[in-house]
Amino acid sequence: SHHSAALSRRATTDWQFSRPCLKNLTRSCLDRGQQVPFVGGSVDRFTNAYFKTLLRWNSRELERGEALFIPTDVVLVVNDKYRPYVEAFANDEERFFAAFAKAYGKLVEIGFAYR
């Protein structure tokens, strides 16, 4: 689709997304009744299954309806810059947990201002 191609091009160059783009992307997912998260299975456990499923999707090993990805997810696995992270997190859950904890800690540190 037009959004997929445009978003993939933009994401592969600077990884920044405009508010209108994200708003339209979210709206299109919600309008179709699609659910978040985009990976099926146990939603009450925090794991690295998302990354494993992205690799399975890229290898065309998923059953229809097993997972739902949007263009921003797909860019992670098809882009040479981001794919090493997907592979690392898929293969080492502790590494994913450590990276997540570090990133989340930064977010908590800087806070959030709702406008």
Foldseek 3Di string as FASTA:
>chain_A
DVLLVVVLVVCLPPNDDDPVSVVVQVVVCVVVVHDPPFADDDPVDDWLVLLVVLVCVVVVNDDPPRGGDDSVSNSQCPHPVRNVVSVVCNVDGVVVVVVVVVVVVVDVVVDDDDD
